[in-house]
Amino acid sequence: MLSSLLRLAFVLWMVSLVVFLLPLAMPGDPAGIALLERQQAATEENLQALRQAWGLDRSLPAQYGQFVIGFLSGDWGVSLRAER
């Protein structure tokens, strides 16, 4: 029973890592893409403000920690298209 729970915890942890790291593997800057979607100028100030608002200016472990905490608390992010 305990080994099954440990395996389940490991699998869930691995899935969370893949979901977290997958957008990082895609080409382009997420902030730049979001500004293009919003039809806003991709100035350095706009990029930096959006990166800070989204927490992209923090280290990867800090971003992952915030991702896990947000997911567990029901905050699954903001849609780039609907902005909700």
N, C-alpha and C. Protein backbone atom coordinates (compact mmCIF):
# COMPACT_ATOMS: atom_id res chain seq x y z
N MET A 1 0.82 -1.19 0.00
CA MET A 1 0.00 0.00 0.00
C MET A 1 0.87 1.26 0.00
N LEU A 2 1.87 1.29 0.87
CA LEU A 2 2.75 2.45 0.95
C LEU A 2 3.55 2.63 -0.34
N SER A 3 4.00 1.52 -0.91
CA SER A 3 4.76 1.63 -2.16
C SER A 3 3.88 2.15 -3.30
N SER A 4 2.62 1.79 -3.30
CA SER A 4 1.70 2.31 -4.33
C SER A 4 1.51 3.81 -4.18
N LEU A 5 1.39 4.26 -2.95
CA LEU A 5 1.24 5.70 -2.70
C LEU A 5 2.51 6.46 -3.08
N LEU A 6 3.65 5.89 -2.80
CA LEU A 6 4.91 6.52 -3.18
C LEU A 6 5.06 6.58 -4.70
N ARG A 7 4.68 5.52 -5.38
CA ARG A 7 4.72 5.52 -6.85
C ARG A 7 3.77 6.57 -7.42
N LEU A 8 2.57 6.66 -6.84
CA LEU A 8 1.60 7.65 -7.29
C LEU A 8 2.14 9.06 -7.08
N ALA A 9 2.73 9.32 -5.92
CA ALA A 9 3.31 10.64 -5.63
C ALA A 9 4.43 10.96 -6.62
N PHE A 10 5.26 9.97 -6.93
CA PHE A 10 6.35 10.17 -7.88
C PHE A 10 5.82 10.48 -9.27
N VAL A 11 4.82 9.74 -9.72
CA VAL A 11 4.23 9.97 -11.04
C VAL A 11 3.59 11.35 -11.11
N LEU A 12 2.86 11.74 -10.08
CA LEU A 12 2.24 13.07 -10.07
C LEU A 12 3.30 14.17 -10.08
N TRP A 13 4.39 13.97 -9.36
CA TRP A 13 5.47 14.94 -9.35
C TRP A 13 6.10 15.05 -10.75
N MET A 14 6.33 13.92 -11.40
CA MET A 14 6.91 13.94 -12.75
C MET A 14 5.98 14.62 -13.75
N VAL A 15 4.69 14.34 -13.65
CA VAL A 15 3.72 14.98 -14.54
C VAL A 15 3.73 16.49 -14.31
N SER A 16 3.80 16.91 -13.05
CA SER A 16 3.82 18.35 -12.78
C SER A 16 5.07 18.99 -13.35
N LEU A 17 6.20 18.30 -13.29
CA LEU A 17 7.43 18.84 -13.88
C LEU A 17 7.32 18.98 -15.39
N VAL A 18 6.75 17.97 -16.04
CA VAL A 18 6.60 18.03 -17.50
C VAL A 18 5.67 19.18 -17.88
N VAL A 19 4.55 19.31 -17.17
CA VAL A 19 3.60 20.39 -17.47
C VAL A 19 4.25 21.75 -17.24
N PHE A 20 5.06 21.87 -16.20
CA PHE A 20 5.74 23.13 -15.90
C PHE A 20 6.82 23.44 -16.94
N LEU A 21 7.59 22.44 -17.34
CA LEU A 21 8.73 22.67 -18.23
C LEU A 21 8.36 22.71 -19.71
N LEU A 22 7.23 22.17 -20.08
CA LEU A 22 6.85 22.13 -21.50
C LEU A 22 6.79 23.52 -22.15
N PRO A 23 6.16 24.52 -21.52
CA PRO A 23 6.18 25.84 -22.16
C PRO A 23 7.58 26.44 -22.29
N LEU A 24 8.49 26.06 -21.41
CA LEU A 24 9.85 26.57 -21.51
C LEU A 24 10.59 26.00 -22.71
N ALA A 25 10.16 24.84 -23.19
CA ALA A 25 10.81 24.21 -24.33
C ALA A 25 10.34 24.79 -25.66
N MET A 26 9.25 25.54 -25.61
CA MET A 26 8.72 26.12 -26.85
C MET A 26 9.55 27.34 -27.24
N PRO A 27 9.68 27.59 -28.53
CA PRO A 27 10.48 28.74 -28.97
C PRO A 27 9.75 30.06 -28.67
N GLY A 28 10.54 31.07 -28.41
CA GLY A 28 9.98 32.40 -28.19
C GLY A 28 9.85 32.75 -26.73
N ASP A 29 9.62 34.02 -26.49
CA ASP A 29 9.47 34.56 -25.15
C ASP A 29 7.97 34.64 -24.84
N PRO A 30 7.50 34.01 -23.76
CA PRO A 30 6.07 34.05 -23.45
C PRO A 30 5.53 35.47 -23.30
N ALA A 31 6.33 36.36 -22.72
CA ALA A 31 5.89 37.74 -22.56
C ALA A 31 5.77 38.43 -23.92
N GLY A 32 6.71 38.19 -24.80
CA GLY A 32 6.65 38.78 -26.14
C GLY A 32 5.46 38.27 -26.94
N ILE A 33 5.19 36.98 -26.83
CA ILE A 33 4.05 36.39 -27.52
C ILE A 33 2.74 36.97 -26.98
N ALA A 34 2.66 37.13 -25.66
CA ALA A 34 1.46 37.69 -25.06
C ALA A 34 1.24 39.13 -25.50
N LEU A 35 2.31 39.90 -25.59
CA LEU A 35 2.16 41.29 -26.04
C LEU A 35 1.71 41.34 -27.50
N LEU A 36 2.22 40.43 -28.32
CA LEU A 36 1.77 40.38 -29.71
C LEU A 36 0.28 40.01 -29.79
N GLU A 37 -0.15 39.05 -28.96
CA GLU A 37 -1.56 38.65 -28.94
C GLU A 37 -2.45 39.82 -28.52
N ARG A 38 -1.94 40.63 -27.61
CA ARG A 38 -2.71 41.79 -27.12
C ARG A 38 -2.55 43.00 -28.02
N GLN A 39 -1.76 42.87 -29.07
CA GLN A 39 -1.47 43.94 -30.02
C GLN A 39 -0.88 45.15 -29.31
N GLN A 40 0.06 44.87 -28.40
CA GLN A 40 0.78 45.92 -27.69
C GLN A 40 2.23 45.92 -28.16
N ALA A 41 2.87 47.06 -28.03
CA ALA A 41 4.26 47.17 -28.43
C ALA A 41 5.14 46.34 -27.50
N ALA A 42 6.07 45.62 -28.09
CA ALA A 42 6.97 44.77 -27.31
C ALA A 42 8.21 45.55 -26.91
N THR A 43 7.99 46.67 -26.21
CA THR A 43 9.12 47.45 -25.72
C THR A 43 9.73 46.74 -24.53
N GLU A 44 10.97 47.09 -24.21
CA GLU A 44 11.65 46.45 -23.08
C GLU A 44 10.90 46.70 -21.78
N GLU A 45 10.31 47.88 -21.61
CA GLU A 45 9.54 48.17 -20.39
C GLU A 45 8.30 47.28 -20.30
N ASN A 46 7.57 47.13 -21.41
CA ASN A 46 6.38 46.27 -21.42
C ASN A 46 6.75 44.81 -21.16
N LEU A 47 7.82 44.35 -21.79
CA LEU A 47 8.27 42.97 -21.59
C LEU A 47 8.65 42.74 -20.13
N GLN A 48 9.43 43.68 -19.57
CA GLN A 48 9.88 43.51 -18.19
C GLN A 48 8.70 43.55 -17.22
N ALA A 49 7.73 44.44 -17.46
CA ALA A 49 6.56 44.53 -16.57
C ALA A 49 5.74 43.24 -16.62
N LEU A 50 5.56 42.68 -17.81
CA LEU A 50 4.78 41.45 -17.93
C LEU A 50 5.54 40.27 -17.32
N ARG A 51 6.85 40.20 -17.55
CA ARG A 51 7.65 39.13 -16.93
C ARG A 51 7.56 39.20 -15.40
N GLN A 52 7.60 40.41 -14.86
CA GLN A 52 7.51 40.56 -13.41
C GLN A 52 6.12 40.19 -12.91
N ALA A 53 5.09 40.61 -13.64
CA ALA A 53 3.71 40.29 -13.23
C ALA A 53 3.47 38.78 -13.25
N TRP A 54 4.06 38.09 -14.19
CA TRP A 54 3.87 36.65 -14.32
C TRP A 54 4.88 35.86 -13.49
N GLY A 55 5.84 36.53 -12.89
CA GLY A 55 6.85 35.85 -12.09
C GLY A 55 7.95 35.21 -12.90
N LEU A 56 8.09 35.60 -14.16
CA LEU A 56 9.12 35.00 -15.02
C LEU A 56 10.51 35.55 -14.72
N ASP A 57 10.58 36.56 -13.88
CA ASP A 57 11.87 37.13 -13.52
C ASP A 57 12.50 36.41 -12.33
N ARG A 58 11.79 35.43 -11.78
CA ARG A 58 12.31 34.66 -10.64
C ARG A 58 13.03 33.40 -11.12
N SER A 59 13.72 32.75 -10.21
CA SER A 59 14.45 31.52 -10.56
C SER A 59 13.46 30.40 -10.91
N LEU A 60 13.94 29.39 -11.63
CA LEU A 60 13.07 28.27 -12.00
C LEU A 60 12.51 27.53 -10.78
N PRO A 61 13.31 27.27 -9.73
CA PRO A 61 12.72 26.61 -8.56
C PRO A 61 11.61 27.46 -7.91
N ALA A 62 11.79 28.78 -7.87
CA ALA A 62 10.76 29.65 -7.30
C ALA A 62 9.51 29.64 -8.18
N GLN A 63 9.71 29.64 -9.50
CA GLN A 63 8.57 29.58 -10.42
C GLN A 63 7.83 28.25 -10.27
N TYR A 64 8.57 27.16 -10.14
CA TYR A 64 7.95 25.84 -9.98
C TYR A 64 7.16 25.77 -8.67
N GLY A 65 7.75 26.30 -7.61
CA GLY A 65 7.06 26.32 -6.32
C GLY A 65 5.76 27.09 -6.41
N GLN A 66 5.78 28.24 -7.06
CA GLN A 66 4.57 29.04 -7.22
C GLN A 66 3.56 28.31 -8.11
N PHE A 67 4.05 27.61 -9.12
CA PHE A 67 3.19 26.82 -10.01
C PHE A 67 2.45 25.74 -9.22
N VAL A 68 3.17 25.00 -8.39
CA VAL A 68 2.57 23.92 -7.61
C VAL A 68 1.58 24.48 -6.59
N ILE A 69 1.97 25.53 -5.88
CA ILE A 69 1.07 26.15 -4.90
C ILE A 69 -0.19 26.66 -5.57
N GLY A 70 -0.02 27.33 -6.71
CA GLY A 70 -1.18 27.84 -7.44
C GLY A 70 -2.09 26.74 -7.93
N PHE A 71 -1.50 25.68 -8.45
CA PHE A 71 -2.30 24.57 -8.96
C PHE A 71 -3.09 23.91 -7.84
N LEU A 72 -2.43 23.66 -6.72
CA LEU A 72 -3.10 23.01 -5.60
C LEU A 72 -4.19 23.87 -4.98
N SER A 73 -4.05 25.20 -5.11
CA SER A 73 -5.06 26.09 -4.55
C SER A 73 -6.16 26.44 -5.56
N GLY A 74 -6.09 25.87 -6.76
CA GLY A 74 -7.13 26.08 -7.76
C GLY A 74 -6.86 27.21 -8.72
N ASP A 75 -5.70 27.87 -8.61
CA ASP A 75 -5.32 28.94 -9.54
C ASP A 75 -4.58 28.30 -10.70
N TRP A 76 -5.28 28.09 -11.81
CA TRP A 76 -4.69 27.40 -12.94
C TRP A 76 -4.23 28.34 -14.02
N GLY A 77 -4.06 29.60 -13.68
CA GLY A 77 -3.48 30.57 -14.59
C GLY A 77 -4.51 31.39 -15.33
N VAL A 78 -4.00 32.23 -16.23
CA VAL A 78 -4.81 33.15 -17.00
C VAL A 78 -4.68 32.77 -18.47
N SER A 79 -5.80 32.72 -19.14
CA SER A 79 -5.80 32.40 -20.56
C SER A 79 -5.18 33.56 -21.33
N LEU A 80 -4.28 33.25 -22.26
CA LEU A 80 -3.68 34.30 -23.07
C LEU A 80 -4.70 34.94 -24.00
N ARG A 81 -5.64 34.17 -24.46
CA ARG A 81 -6.63 34.69 -25.41
C ARG A 81 -7.78 35.38 -24.71
N ALA A 82 -8.36 34.75 -23.71
CA ALA A 82 -9.53 35.30 -23.03
C ALA A 82 -9.14 36.25 -21.90
N GLU A 83 -7.89 36.19 -21.45
CA GLU A 83 -7.37 36.99 -20.34
C GLU A 83 -8.23 36.82 -19.08
N ARG A 84 -8.70 35.60 -18.84
CA ARG A 84 -9.46 35.29 -17.62
C ARG A 84 -8.79 34.17 -16.89
